[in-house]
Amino acid sequence: MGSKKKRTNVVYSTNPDFNYDNEELAQDTLPISEQKLYVSIDRKRRKGKSVTLIEGYVGEPEDLKELSKHLKRSCGVGGSAKDGEIFVQGEFKDKVAKILIAMGYNTTKKGGY
């Protein structure tokens, strides 16, 4: 059996042949030119503070964190990355979109202003 930390969405199985190891398959990172990223400003659940949200990344968590690190360094702010989304603190929608386009990503800005 696999470690308990890797067992997601399975509470208990009565099947004696159930194998926990094949639960989640890692998703390979798509090439940059095939990625379709959406950039928007998000204020929900943040006590009025704005973050620039980059959605739609498909790939390994390590690659997502590297992209997040590059964007945060370019904007000079903090943020985080998880579940295919990158959060950059502050309103940097235009700047982030330009950086992603320069890197070769297909980028679309969502939302007004």
PDB file of N, CA and C in Angstrom:
ATOM      1  N   MET A   1       0.824  -1.178   0.000  1.00  0.00           N
ATOM      2  CA  MET A   1       0.000   0.000   0.000  1.00  0.00           C
ATOM      3  C   MET A   1       0.873   1.247   0.000  1.00  0.00           C
ATOM      4  N   GLY A   2       0.376   2.316  -0.633  1.00  0.00           N
ATOM      5  CA  GLY A   2       1.087   3.587  -0.655  1.00  0.00           C
ATOM      6  C   GLY A   2       0.952   4.300   0.676  1.00  0.00           C
ATOM      7  N   SER A   3       1.663   5.392   0.824  1.00  0.00           N
ATOM      8  CA  SER A   3       1.580   6.138   2.076  1.00  0.00           C
ATOM      9  C   SER A   3       0.208   6.789   2.193  1.00  0.00           C
ATOM     10  N   LYS A   4      -0.218   7.033   3.417  1.00  0.00           N
ATOM     11  CA  LYS A   4      -1.539   7.604   3.651  1.00  0.00           C
ATOM     12  C   LYS A   4      -1.652   9.020   3.102  1.00  0.00           C
ATOM     13  N   LYS A   5      -0.572   9.761   3.064  1.00  0.00           N
ATOM     14  CA  LYS A   5      -0.613  11.131   2.558  1.00  0.00           C
ATOM     15  C   LYS A   5      -0.939  11.175   1.073  1.00  0.00           C
ATOM     16  N   LYS A   6      -0.602  10.141   0.343  1.00  0.00           N
ATOM     17  CA  LYS A   6      -0.857  10.109  -1.096  1.00  0.00           C
ATOM     18  C   LYS A   6      -2.244   9.571  -1.424  1.00  0.00           C
ATOM     19  N   ARG A   7      -2.980   9.083  -0.440  1.00  0.00           N
ATOM     20  CA  ARG A   7      -4.314   8.544  -0.656  1.00  0.00           C
ATOM     21  C   ARG A   7      -5.324   9.677  -0.623  1.00  0.00           C
ATOM     22  N   THR A   8      -5.750  10.112  -1.778  1.00  0.00           N
ATOM     23  CA  THR A   8      -6.739  11.178  -1.826  1.00  0.00           C
ATOM     24  C   THR A   8      -8.063  10.630  -2.319  1.00  0.00           C
ATOM     25  N   ASN A   9      -9.146  11.137  -1.780  1.00  0.00           N
ATOM     26  CA  ASN A   9     -10.504  10.803  -2.186  1.00  0.00           C
ATOM     27  C   ASN A   9     -10.883   9.348  -1.946  1.00  0.00           C
ATOM     28  N   VAL A  10     -10.122   8.598  -1.147  1.00  0.00           N
ATOM     29  CA  VAL A  10     -10.486   7.229  -0.790  1.00  0.00           C
ATOM     30  C   VAL A  10     -10.447   7.154   0.732  1.00  0.00           C
ATOM     31  N   VAL A  11     -11.588   6.895   1.316  1.00  0.00           N
ATOM     32  CA  VAL A  11     -11.650   6.797   2.768  1.00  0.00           C
ATOM     33  C   VAL A  11     -11.372   5.371   3.201  1.00  0.00           C
ATOM     34  N   TYR A  12     -12.065   4.430   2.563  1.00  0.00           N
ATOM     35  CA  TYR A  12     -11.926   3.035   2.938  1.00  0.00           C
ATOM     36  C   TYR A  12     -12.374   2.174   1.770  1.00  0.00           C
ATOM     37  N   SER A  13     -11.693   1.073   1.555  1.00  0.00           N
ATOM     38  CA  SER A  13     -12.079   0.148   0.501  1.00  0.00           C
ATOM     39  C   SER A  13     -12.193  -1.250   1.085  1.00  0.00           C
ATOM     40  N   THR A  14     -13.308  -1.914   0.771  1.00  0.00           N
ATOM     41  CA  THR A  14     -13.483  -3.291   1.237  1.00  0.00           C
ATOM     42  C   THR A  14     -12.878  -4.294   0.272  1.00  0.00           C
ATOM     43  N   ASN A  15     -12.421  -3.836  -0.866  1.00  0.00           N
ATOM     44  CA  ASN A  15     -11.817  -4.701  -1.863  1.00  0.00           C
ATOM     45  C   ASN A  15     -10.395  -5.042  -1.414  1.00  0.00           C
ATOM     46  N   PRO A  16     -10.094  -6.335  -1.158  1.00  0.00           N
ATOM     47  CA  PRO A  16      -8.742  -6.691  -0.698  1.00  0.00           C
ATOM     48  C   PRO A  16      -7.676  -6.485  -1.776  1.00  0.00           C
ATOM     49  N   ASP A  17      -8.084  -6.390  -3.045  1.00  0.00           N
ATOM     50  CA  ASP A  17      -7.113  -6.203  -4.127  1.00  0.00           C
ATOM     51  C   ASP A  17      -6.973  -4.741  -4.540  1.00  0.00           C
ATOM     52  N   PHE A  18      -7.624  -3.827  -3.806  1.00  0.00           N
ATOM     53  CA  PHE A  18      -7.567  -2.411  -4.168  1.00  0.00           C
ATOM     54  C   PHE A  18      -6.138  -1.900  -4.018  1.00  0.00           C
ATOM     55  N   ASN A  19      -5.690  -1.167  -5.021  1.00  0.00           N
ATOM     56  CA  ASN A  19      -4.329  -0.649  -5.031  1.00  0.00           C
ATOM     57  C   ASN A  19      -4.365   0.870  -4.968  1.00  0.00           C
ATOM     58  N   TYR A  20      -3.801   1.446  -3.929  1.00  0.00           N
ATOM     59  CA  TYR A  20      -3.781   2.903  -3.754  1.00  0.00           C
ATOM     60  C   TYR A  20      -2.755   3.578  -4.669  1.00  0.00           C
ATOM     61  N   ASP A  21      -1.809   2.833  -5.188  1.00  0.00           N
ATOM     62  CA  ASP A  21      -0.708   3.422  -5.948  1.00  0.00           C
ATOM     63  C   ASP A  21      -1.137   4.040  -7.275  1.00  0.00           C
ATOM     64  N   ASN A  22      -2.207   3.568  -7.881  1.00  0.00           N
ATOM     65  CA  ASN A  22      -2.610   4.051  -9.200  1.00  0.00           C
ATOM     66  C   ASN A  22      -3.670   5.134  -9.137  1.00  0.00           C
ATOM     67  N   GLU A  23      -3.807   5.798  -8.004  1.00  0.00           N
ATOM     68  CA  GLU A  23      -4.851   6.800  -7.841  1.00  0.00           C
ATOM     69  C   GLU A  23      -4.678   8.011  -8.737  1.00  0.00           C
ATOM     70  N   GLU A  24      -3.556   8.652  -8.646  1.00  0.00           N
ATOM     71  CA  GLU A  24      -3.379   9.929  -9.326  1.00  0.00           C
ATOM     72  C   GLU A  24      -2.184   9.860 -10.269  1.00  0.00           C
ATOM     73  N   LEU A  25      -2.434  10.142 -11.531  1.00  0.00           N
ATOM     74  CA  LEU A  25      -1.361  10.153 -12.502  1.00  0.00           C
ATOM     75  C   LEU A  25      -0.868  11.580 -12.671  1.00  0.00           C
ATOM     76  N   ALA A  26       0.430  11.773 -12.666  1.00  0.00           N
ATOM     77  CA  ALA A  26       0.995  13.108 -12.826  1.00  0.00           C
ATOM     78  C   ALA A  26       0.736  13.600 -14.248  1.00  0.00           C
ATOM     79  N   GLN A  27       0.401  14.855 -14.357  1.00  0.00           N
ATOM     80  CA  GLN A  27       0.113  15.424 -15.667  1.00  0.00           C
ATOM     81  C   GLN A  27       1.372  16.119 -16.180  1.00  0.00           C
ATOM     82  N   ASP A  28       1.791  15.725 -17.383  1.00  0.00           N
ATOM     83  CA  ASP A  28       2.987  16.321 -17.960  1.00  0.00           C
ATOM     84  C   ASP A  28       2.717  17.776 -18.313  1.00  0.00           C
ATOM     85  N   THR A  29       3.762  18.568 -18.248  1.00  0.00           N
ATOM     86  CA  THR A  29       3.645  19.980 -18.568  1.00  0.00           C
ATOM     87  C   THR A  29       3.517  20.154 -20.074  1.00  0.00           C
ATOM     88  N   LEU A  30       2.492  20.885 -20.492  1.00  0.00           N
ATOM     89  CA  LEU A  30       2.323  21.190 -21.908  1.00  0.00           C
ATOM     90  C   LEU A  30       3.410  22.153 -22.360  1.00  0.00           C
ATOM     91  N   PRO A  31       3.796  22.106 -23.634  1.00  0.00           N
ATOM     92  CA  PRO A  31       4.755  23.093 -24.139  1.00  0.00           C
ATOM     93  C   PRO A  31       4.195  24.508 -23.990  1.00  0.00           C
ATOM     94  N   ILE A  32       5.077  25.475 -23.869  1.00  0.00           N
ATOM     95  CA  ILE A  32       4.667  26.866 -23.651  1.00  0.00           C
ATOM     96  C   ILE A  32       3.696  27.332 -24.719  1.00  0.00           C
ATOM     97  N   SER A  33       3.927  26.987 -25.970  1.00  0.00           N
ATOM     98  CA  SER A  33       3.069  27.469 -27.055  1.00  0.00           C
ATOM     99  C   SER A  33       1.658  26.878 -27.003  1.00  0.00           C
ATOM    100  N   GLU A  34       1.465  25.763 -26.287  1.00  0.00           N
ATOM    101  CA  GLU A  34       0.155  25.132 -26.187  1.00  0.00           C
ATOM    102  C   GLU A  34      -0.609  25.532 -24.931  1.00  0.00           C
ATOM    103  N   GLN A  35       0.044  26.242 -24.016  1.00  0.00           N
ATOM    104  CA  GLN A  35      -0.608  26.683 -22.795  1.00  0.00           C
ATOM    105  C   GLN A  35      -1.549  27.836 -23.104  1.00  0.00           C
ATOM    106  N   LYS A  36      -2.720  27.845 -22.505  1.00  0.00           N
ATOM    107  CA  LYS A  36      -3.688  28.930 -22.654  1.00  0.00           C
ATOM    108  C   LYS A  36      -3.939  29.486 -21.257  1.00  0.00           C
ATOM    109  N   LEU A  37      -3.350  30.653 -20.956  1.00  0.00           N
ATOM    110  CA  LEU A  37      -3.440  31.243 -19.634  1.00  0.00           C
ATOM    111  C   LEU A  37      -4.375  32.449 -19.635  1.00  0.00           C
ATOM    112  N   TYR A  38      -5.112  32.602 -18.545  1.00  0.00           N
ATOM    113  CA  TYR A  38      -6.038  33.710 -18.377  1.00  0.00           C
ATOM    114  C   TYR A  38      -5.556  34.568 -17.209  1.00  0.00           C
ATOM    115  N   VAL A  39      -5.448  35.876 -17.441  1.00  0.00           N
ATOM    116  CA  VAL A  39      -4.959  36.804 -16.425  1.00  0.00           C
ATOM    117  C   VAL A  39      -6.107  37.715 -16.020  1.00  0.00           C
ATOM    118  N   SER A  40      -6.349  37.822 -14.714  1.00  0.00           N
ATOM    119  CA  SER A  40      -7.422  38.683 -14.224  1.00  0.00           C
ATOM    120  C   SER A  40      -7.058  39.238 -12.855  1.00  0.00           C
ATOM    121  N   ILE A  41      -7.849  40.215 -12.407  1.00  0.00           N
ATOM    122  CA  ILE A  41      -7.708  40.772 -11.066  1.00  0.00           C
ATOM    123  C   ILE A  41      -8.797  40.138 -10.208  1.00  0.00           C
ATOM    124  N   ASP A  42      -8.425  39.670  -9.026  1.00  0.00           N
ATOM    125  CA  ASP A  42      -9.379  39.008  -8.137  1.00  0.00           C
ATOM    126  C   ASP A  42      -9.358  39.683  -6.770  1.00  0.00           C
ATOM    127  N   ARG A  43     -10.544  39.975  -6.245  1.00  0.00           N
ATOM    128  CA  ARG A  43     -10.665  40.587  -4.918  1.00  0.00           C
ATOM    129  C   ARG A  43     -11.516  39.735  -3.980  1.00  0.00           C
ATOM    130  N   LYS A  44     -11.992  38.609  -4.440  1.00  0.00           N
ATOM    131  CA  LYS A  44     -12.880  37.783  -3.635  1.00  0.00           C
ATOM    132  C   LYS A  44     -12.115  37.114  -2.487  1.00  0.00           C
ATOM    133  N   ARG A  45     -12.740  37.076  -1.334  1.00  0.00           N
ATOM    134  CA  ARG A  45     -12.185  36.408  -0.148  1.00  0.00           C
ATOM    135  C   ARG A  45     -10.818  36.930   0.255  1.00  0.00           C
ATOM    136  N   ARG A  46     -10.526  38.200  -0.035  1.00  0.00           N
ATOM    137  CA  ARG A  46      -9.215  38.749   0.291  1.00  0.00           C
ATOM    138  C   ARG A  46      -9.315  40.050   1.072  1.00  0.00           C
ATOM    139  N   LYS A  47     -10.443  40.308   1.699  1.00  0.00           N
ATOM    140  CA  LYS A  47     -10.656  41.507   2.516  1.00  0.00           C
ATOM    141  C   LYS A  47     -10.377  42.784   1.743  1.00  0.00           C
ATOM    142  N   GLY A  48     -10.791  42.837   0.471  1.00  0.00           N
ATOM    143  CA  GLY A  48     -10.632  44.036  -0.337  1.00  0.00           C
ATOM    144  C   GLY A  48      -9.287  44.194  -1.014  1.00  0.00           C
ATOM    145  N   LYS A  49      -8.335  43.347  -0.693  1.00  0.00           N
ATOM    146  CA  LYS A  49      -7.017  43.430  -1.324  1.00  0.00           C
ATOM    147  C   LYS A  49      -7.066  42.748  -2.691  1.00  0.00           C
ATOM    148  N   SER A  50      -6.343  43.301  -3.640  1.00  0.00           N
ATOM    149  CA  SER A  50      -6.348  42.770  -5.003  1.00  0.00           C
ATOM    150  C   SER A  50      -5.163  41.848  -5.243  1.00  0.00           C
ATOM    151  N   VAL A  51      -5.409  40.812  -6.022  1.00  0.00           N
ATOM    152  CA  VAL A  51      -4.332  39.959  -6.507  1.00  0.00           C
ATOM    153  C   VAL A  51      -4.517  39.762  -8.002  1.00  0.00           C
ATOM    154  N   THR A  52      -3.415  39.569  -8.692  1.00  0.00           N
ATOM    155  CA  THR A  52      -3.463  39.212 -10.105  1.00  0.00           C
ATOM    156  C   THR A  52      -3.497  37.693 -10.156  1.00  0.00           C
ATOM    157  N   LEU A  53      -4.512  37.155 -10.807  1.00  0.00           N
ATOM    158  CA  LEU A  53      -4.744  35.717 -10.858  1.00  0.00           C
ATOM    159  C   LEU A  53      -4.427  35.202 -12.254  1.00  0.00           C
ATOM    160  N   ILE A  54      -3.569  34.198 -12.334  1.00  0.00           N
ATOM    161  CA  ILE A  54      -3.241  33.553 -13.609  1.00  0.00           C
ATOM    162  C   ILE A  54      -3.798  32.135 -13.529  1.00  0.00           C
ATOM    163  N   GLU A  55      -4.746  31.828 -14.409  1.00  0.00           N
ATOM    164  CA  GLU A  55      -5.422  30.533 -14.397  1.00  0.00           C
ATOM    165  C   GLU A  55      -5.132  29.764 -15.680  1.00  0.00           C
ATOM    166  N   GLY A  56      -5.337  28.440 -15.629  1.00  0.00           N
ATOM    167  CA  GLY A  56      -5.280  27.611 -16.819  1.00  0.00           C
ATOM    168  C   GLY A  56      -3.967  26.890 -17.051  1.00  0.00           C
ATOM    169  N   TYR A  57      -3.032  26.963 -16.119  1.00  0.00           N
ATOM    170  CA  TYR A  57      -1.745  26.291 -16.310  1.00  0.00           C
ATOM    171  C   TYR A  57      -1.937  24.785 -16.206  1.00  0.00           C
ATOM    172  N   VAL A  58      -1.381  24.057 -17.155  1.00  0.00           N
ATOM    173  CA  VAL A  58      -1.455  22.592 -17.165  1.00  0.00           C
ATOM    174  C   VAL A  58      -0.044  22.055 -17.091  1.00  0.00           C
ATOM    175  N   GLY A  59       0.256  21.342 -16.002  1.00  0.00           N
ATOM    176  CA  GLY A  59       1.582  20.760 -15.908  1.00  0.00           C
ATOM    177  C   GLY A  59       2.003  20.413 -14.498  1.00  0.00           C
ATOM    178  N   GLU A  60       3.267  20.127 -14.365  1.00  0.00           N
ATOM    179  CA  GLU A  60       3.868  19.716 -13.101  1.00  0.00           C
ATOM    180  C   GLU A  60       3.851  20.870 -12.100  1.00  0.00           C
ATOM    181  N   PRO A  61       3.633  20.575 -10.823  1.00  0.00           N
ATOM    182  CA  PRO A  61       3.644  21.624  -9.803  1.00  0.00           C
ATOM    183  C   PRO A  61       4.985  22.367  -9.717  1.00  0.00           C
ATOM    184  N   GLU A  62       6.094  21.673  -9.990  1.00  0.00           N
ATOM    185  CA  GLU A  62       7.405  22.321  -9.935  1.00  0.00           C
ATOM    186  C   GLU A  62       7.527  23.387 -11.026  1.00  0.00           C
ATOM    187  N   ASP A  63       7.009  23.083 -12.222  1.00  0.00           N
ATOM    188  CA  ASP A  63       7.058  24.050 -13.321  1.00  0.00           C
ATOM    189  C   ASP A  63       6.161  25.247 -13.033  1.00  0.00           C
ATOM    190  N   LEU A  64       5.017  24.992 -12.405  1.00  0.00           N
ATOM    191  CA  LEU A  64       4.112  26.074 -12.013  1.00  0.00           C
ATOM    192  C   LEU A  64       4.803  26.994 -11.005  1.00  0.00           C
ATOM    193  N   LYS A  65       5.507  26.416 -10.048  1.00  0.00           N
ATOM    194  CA  LYS A  65       6.203  27.224  -9.048  1.00  0.00           C
ATOM    195  C   LYS A  65       7.334  28.033  -9.664  1.00  0.00           C
ATOM    196  N   GLU A  66       8.013  27.476 -10.658  1.00  0.00           N
ATOM    197  CA  GLU A  66       9.078  28.226 -11.342  1.00  0.00           C
ATOM    198  C   GLU A  66       8.504  29.427 -12.094  1.00  0.00           C
ATOM    199  N   LEU A  67       7.387  29.226 -12.785  1.00  0.00           N
ATOM    200  CA  LEU A  67       6.739  30.334 -13.489  1.00  0.00           C
ATOM    201  C   LEU A  67       6.271  31.381 -12.490  1.00  0.00           C
ATOM    202  N   SER A  68       5.698  30.941 -11.388  1.00  0.00           N
ATOM    203  CA  SER A  68       5.240  31.851 -10.336  1.00  0.00           C
ATOM    204  C   SER A  68       6.399  32.669  -9.786  1.00  0.00           C
ATOM    205  N   LYS A  69       7.498  32.015  -9.544  1.00  0.00           N
ATOM    206  CA  LYS A  69       8.689  32.693  -9.013  1.00  0.00           C
ATOM    207  C   LYS A  69       9.176  33.765  -9.984  1.00  0.00           C
ATOM    208  N   HIS A  70       9.181  33.441 -11.270  1.00  0.00           N
ATOM    209  CA  HIS A  70       9.617  34.408 -12.294  1.00  0.00           C
ATOM    210  C   HIS A  70       8.693  35.626 -12.328  1.00  0.00           C
ATOM    211  N   LEU A  71       7.373  35.384 -12.294  1.00  0.00           N
ATOM    212  CA  LEU A  71       6.415  36.495 -12.344  1.00  0.00           C
ATOM    213  C   LEU A  71       6.500  37.366 -11.096  1.00  0.00           C
ATOM    214  N   LYS A  72       6.615  36.746  -9.928  1.00  0.00           N
ATOM    215  CA  LYS A  72       6.704  37.514  -8.685  1.00  0.00           C
ATOM    216  C   LYS A  72       7.982  38.348  -8.653  1.00  0.00           C
ATOM    217  N   ARG A  73       9.075  37.781  -9.126  1.00  0.00           N
ATOM    218  CA  ARG A  73      10.351  38.511  -9.163  1.00  0.00           C
ATOM    219  C   ARG A  73      10.266  39.681 -10.134  1.00  0.00           C
ATOM    220  N   SER A  74       9.606  39.471 -11.284  1.00  0.00           N
ATOM    221  CA  SER A  74       9.476  40.525 -12.286  1.00  0.00           C
ATOM    222  C   SER A  74       8.621  41.688 -11.783  1.00  0.00           C
ATOM    223  N   CYS A  75       7.621  41.384 -10.958  1.00  0.00           N
ATOM    224  CA  CYS A  75       6.742  42.432 -10.420  1.00  0.00           C
ATOM    225  C   CYS A  75       7.243  42.974  -9.085  1.00  0.00           C
ATOM    226  N   GLY A  76       8.187  42.298  -8.461  1.00  0.00           N
ATOM    227  CA  GLY A  76       8.740  42.755  -7.192  1.00  0.00           C
ATOM    228  C   GLY A  76       7.779  42.597  -6.024  1.00  0.00           C
ATOM    229  N   VAL A  77       6.934  41.569  -6.075  1.00  0.00           N
ATOM    230  CA  VAL A  77       5.945  41.346  -5.016  1.00  0.00           C
ATOM    231  C   VAL A  77       5.909  39.872  -4.638  1.00  0.00           C
ATOM    232  N   GLY A  78       5.073  39.542  -3.664  1.00  0.00           N
ATOM    233  CA  GLY A  78       4.899  38.159  -3.234  1.00  0.00           C
ATOM    234  C   GLY A  78       3.723  37.518  -3.938  1.00  0.00           C
ATOM    235  N   GLY A  79       3.409  36.310  -3.499  1.00  0.00           N
ATOM    236  CA  GLY A  79       2.288  35.584  -4.079  1.00  0.00           C
ATOM    237  C   GLY A  79       2.435  34.101  -3.805  1.00  0.00           C
ATOM    238  N   SER A  80       1.648  33.303  -4.504  1.00  0.00           N
ATOM    239  CA  SER A  80       1.712  31.856  -4.319  1.00  0.00           C
ATOM    240  C   SER A  80       1.235  31.154  -5.581  1.00  0.00           C
ATOM    241  N   ALA A  81       1.402  29.832  -5.588  1.00  0.00           N
ATOM    242  CA  ALA A  81       0.980  29.022  -6.733  1.00  0.00           C
ATOM    243  C   ALA A  81       0.478  27.682  -6.226  1.00  0.00           C
ATOM    244  N   LYS A  82      -0.727  27.297  -6.682  1.00  0.00           N
ATOM    245  CA  LYS A  82      -1.251  25.972  -6.346  1.00  0.00           C
ATOM    246  C   LYS A  82      -2.424  25.650  -7.249  1.00  0.00           C
ATOM    247  N   ASP A  83      -2.642  24.383  -7.490  1.00  0.00           N
ATOM    248  CA  ASP A  83      -3.782  23.882  -8.262  1.00  0.00           C
ATOM    249  C   ASP A  83      -3.917  24.544  -9.632  1.00  0.00           C
ATOM    250  N   GLY A  84      -2.817  24.769 -10.325  1.00  0.00           N
ATOM    251  CA  GLY A  84      -2.873  25.347 -11.664  1.00  0.00           C
ATOM    252  C   GLY A  84      -3.136  26.836 -11.691  1.00  0.00           C
ATOM    253  N   GLU A  85      -3.062  27.505 -10.546  1.00  0.00           N
ATOM    254  CA  GLU A  85      -3.284  28.938 -10.471  1.00  0.00           C
ATOM    255  C   GLU A  85      -2.095  29.617  -9.816  1.00  0.00           C
ATOM    256  N   ILE A  86      -1.818  30.837 -10.271  1.00  0.00           N
ATOM    257  CA  ILE A  86      -0.763  31.652  -9.685  1.00  0.00           C
ATOM    258  C   ILE A  86      -1.401  32.926  -9.166  1.00  0.00           C
ATOM    259  N   PHE A  87      -1.065  33.301  -7.929  1.00  0.00           N
ATOM    260  CA  PHE A  87      -1.537  34.532  -7.328  1.00  0.00           C
ATOM    261  C   PHE A  87      -0.346  35.464  -7.164  1.00  0.00           C
ATOM    262  N   VAL A  88      -0.431  36.654  -7.754  1.00  0.00           N
ATOM    263  CA  VAL A  88       0.604  37.674  -7.610  1.00  0.00           C
ATOM    264  C   VAL A  88      -0.037  38.833  -6.856  1.00  0.00           C
ATOM    265  N   GLN A  89       0.533  39.219  -5.728  1.00  0.00           N
ATOM    266  CA  GLN A  89      -0.065  40.268  -4.909  1.00  0.00           C
ATOM    267  C   GLN A  89      -0.057  41.597  -5.648  1.00  0.00           C
ATOM    268  N   GLY A  90      -1.203  42.264  -5.673  1.00  0.00           N
ATOM    269  CA  GLY A  90      -1.326  43.565  -6.318  1.00  0.00           C
ATOM    270  C   GLY A  90      -1.973  43.468  -7.687  1.00  0.00           C
ATOM    271  N   GLU A  91      -2.204  44.634  -8.292  1.00  0.00           N
ATOM    272  CA  GLU A  91      -2.846  44.704  -9.605  1.00  0.00           C
ATOM    273  C   GLU A  91      -1.787  44.873 -10.693  1.00  0.00           C
ATOM    274  N   PHE A  92      -1.391  43.757 -11.293  1.00  0.00           N
ATOM    275  CA  PHE A  92      -0.357  43.734 -12.317  1.00  0.00           C
ATOM    276  C   PHE A  92      -0.837  43.019 -13.575  1.00  0.00           C
ATOM    277  N   LYS A  93      -2.131  43.118 -13.883  1.00  0.00           N
ATOM    278  CA  LYS A  93      -2.700  42.356 -14.998  1.00  0.00           C
ATOM    279  C   LYS A  93      -1.981  42.642 -16.311  1.00  0.00           C
ATOM    280  N   ASP A  94      -1.794  43.916 -16.648  1.00  0.00           N
ATOM    281  CA  ASP A  94      -1.151  44.266 -17.919  1.00  0.00           C
ATOM    282  C   ASP A  94       0.310  43.829 -17.947  1.00  0.00           C
ATOM    283  N   LYS A  95       1.024  44.067 -16.863  1.00  0.00           N
ATOM    284  CA  LYS A  95       2.440  43.715 -16.801  1.00  0.00           C
ATOM    285  C   LYS A  95       2.638  42.203 -16.894  1.00  0.00           C
ATOM    286  N   VAL A  96       1.832  41.441 -16.153  1.00  0.00           N
ATOM    287  CA  VAL A  96       1.941  39.976 -16.170  1.00  0.00           C
ATOM    288  C   VAL A  96       1.592  39.439 -17.553  1.00  0.00           C
ATOM    289  N   ALA A  97       0.544  39.990 -18.175  1.00  0.00           N
ATOM    290  CA  ALA A  97       0.162  39.538 -19.517  1.00  0.00           C
ATOM    291  C   ALA A  97       1.289  39.783 -20.513  1.00  0.00           C
ATOM    292  N   LYS A  98       1.937  40.946 -20.445  1.00  0.00           N
ATOM    293  CA  LYS A  98       3.059  41.237 -21.351  1.00  0.00           C
ATOM    294  C   LYS A  98       4.222  40.277 -21.124  1.00  0.00           C
ATOM    295  N   ILE A  99       4.517  39.965 -19.868  1.00  0.00           N
ATOM    296  CA  ILE A  99       5.613  39.043 -19.554  1.00  0.00           C
ATOM    297  C   ILE A  99       5.302  37.652 -20.110  1.00  0.00           C
ATOM    298  N   LEU A 100       4.075  37.185 -19.902  1.00  0.00           N
ATOM    299  CA  LEU A 100       3.699  35.847 -20.382  1.00  0.00           C
ATOM    300  C   LEU A 100       3.728  35.769 -21.910  1.00  0.00           C
ATOM    301  N   ILE A 101       3.246  36.816 -22.573  1.00  0.00           N
ATOM    302  CA  ILE A 101       3.275  36.846 -24.047  1.00  0.00           C
ATOM    303  C   ILE A 101       4.715  36.839 -24.545  1.00  0.00           C
ATOM    304  N   ALA A 102       5.583  37.605 -23.885  1.00  0.00           N
ATOM    305  CA  ALA A 102       7.000  37.634 -24.273  1.00  0.00           C
ATOM    306  C   ALA A 102       7.662  36.268 -24.085  1.00  0.00           C
ATOM    307  N   MET A 103       7.192  35.505 -23.102  1.00  0.00           N
ATOM    308  CA  MET A 103       7.736  34.161 -22.867  1.00  0.00           C
ATOM    309  C   MET A 103       7.190  33.145 -23.860  1.00  0.00           C
ATOM    310  N   GLY A 104       6.113  33.490 -24.607  1.00  0.00           N
ATOM    311  CA  GLY A 104       5.564  32.594 -25.616  1.00  0.00           C
ATOM    312  C   GLY A 104       4.247  31.943 -25.236  1.00  0.00           C
ATOM    313  N   TYR A 105       3.673  32.311 -24.091  1.00  0.00           N
ATOM    314  CA  TYR A 105       2.393  31.740 -23.671  1.00  0.00           C
ATOM    315  C   TYR A 105       1.249  32.409 -24.421  1.00  0.00           C
ATOM    316  N   ASN A 106       0.190  31.637 -24.727  1.00  0.00           N
ATOM    317  CA  ASN A 106      -1.046  32.200 -25.255  1.00  0.00           C
ATOM    318  C   ASN A 106      -1.782  32.785 -24.056  1.00  0.00           C
ATOM    319  N   THR A 107      -1.949  34.094 -24.036  1.00  0.00           N
ATOM    320  CA  THR A 107      -2.475  34.780 -22.863  1.00  0.00           C
ATOM    321  C   THR A 107      -3.679  35.619 -23.226  1.00  0.00           C
ATOM    322  N   THR A 108      -4.705  35.558 -22.373  1.00  0.00           N
ATOM    323  CA  THR A 108      -5.914  36.358 -22.550  1.00  0.00           C
ATOM    324  C   THR A 108      -6.199  37.057 -21.230  1.00  0.00           C
ATOM    325  N   LYS A 109      -6.507  38.363 -21.315  1.00  0.00           N
ATOM    326  CA  LYS A 109      -6.894  39.127 -20.121  1.00  0.00           C
ATOM    327  C   LYS A 109      -8.392  39.002 -19.928  1.00  0.00           C
ATOM    328  N   LYS A 110      -8.797  38.702 -18.685  1.00  0.00           N
ATOM    329  CA  LYS A 110     -10.213  38.580 -18.360  1.00  0.00           C
ATOM    330  C   LYS A 110     -10.617  39.771 -17.488  1.00  0.00           C
ATOM    331  N   GLY A 111     -11.894  40.128 -17.567  1.00  0.00           N
ATOM    332  CA  GLY A 111     -12.413  41.184 -16.707  1.00  0.00           C
ATOM    333  C   GLY A 111     -12.205  42.561 -17.313  1.00  0.00           C
ATOM    334  N   GLY A 112     -12.884  43.529 -16.723  1.00  0.00           N
ATOM    335  CA  GLY A 112     -12.790  44.901 -17.224  1.00  0.00           C
ATOM    336  C   GLY A 112     -11.551  45.618 -16.733  1.00  0.00           C
ATOM    337  N   TYR A 113     -11.454  46.840 -17.123  1.00  0.00           N
ATOM    338  CA  TYR A 113     -10.345  47.760 -16.832  1.00  0.00           C
ATOM    339  C   TYR A 113      -9.092  47.045 -16.694  1.00  0.00           C
TER     340      TYR A 113
END
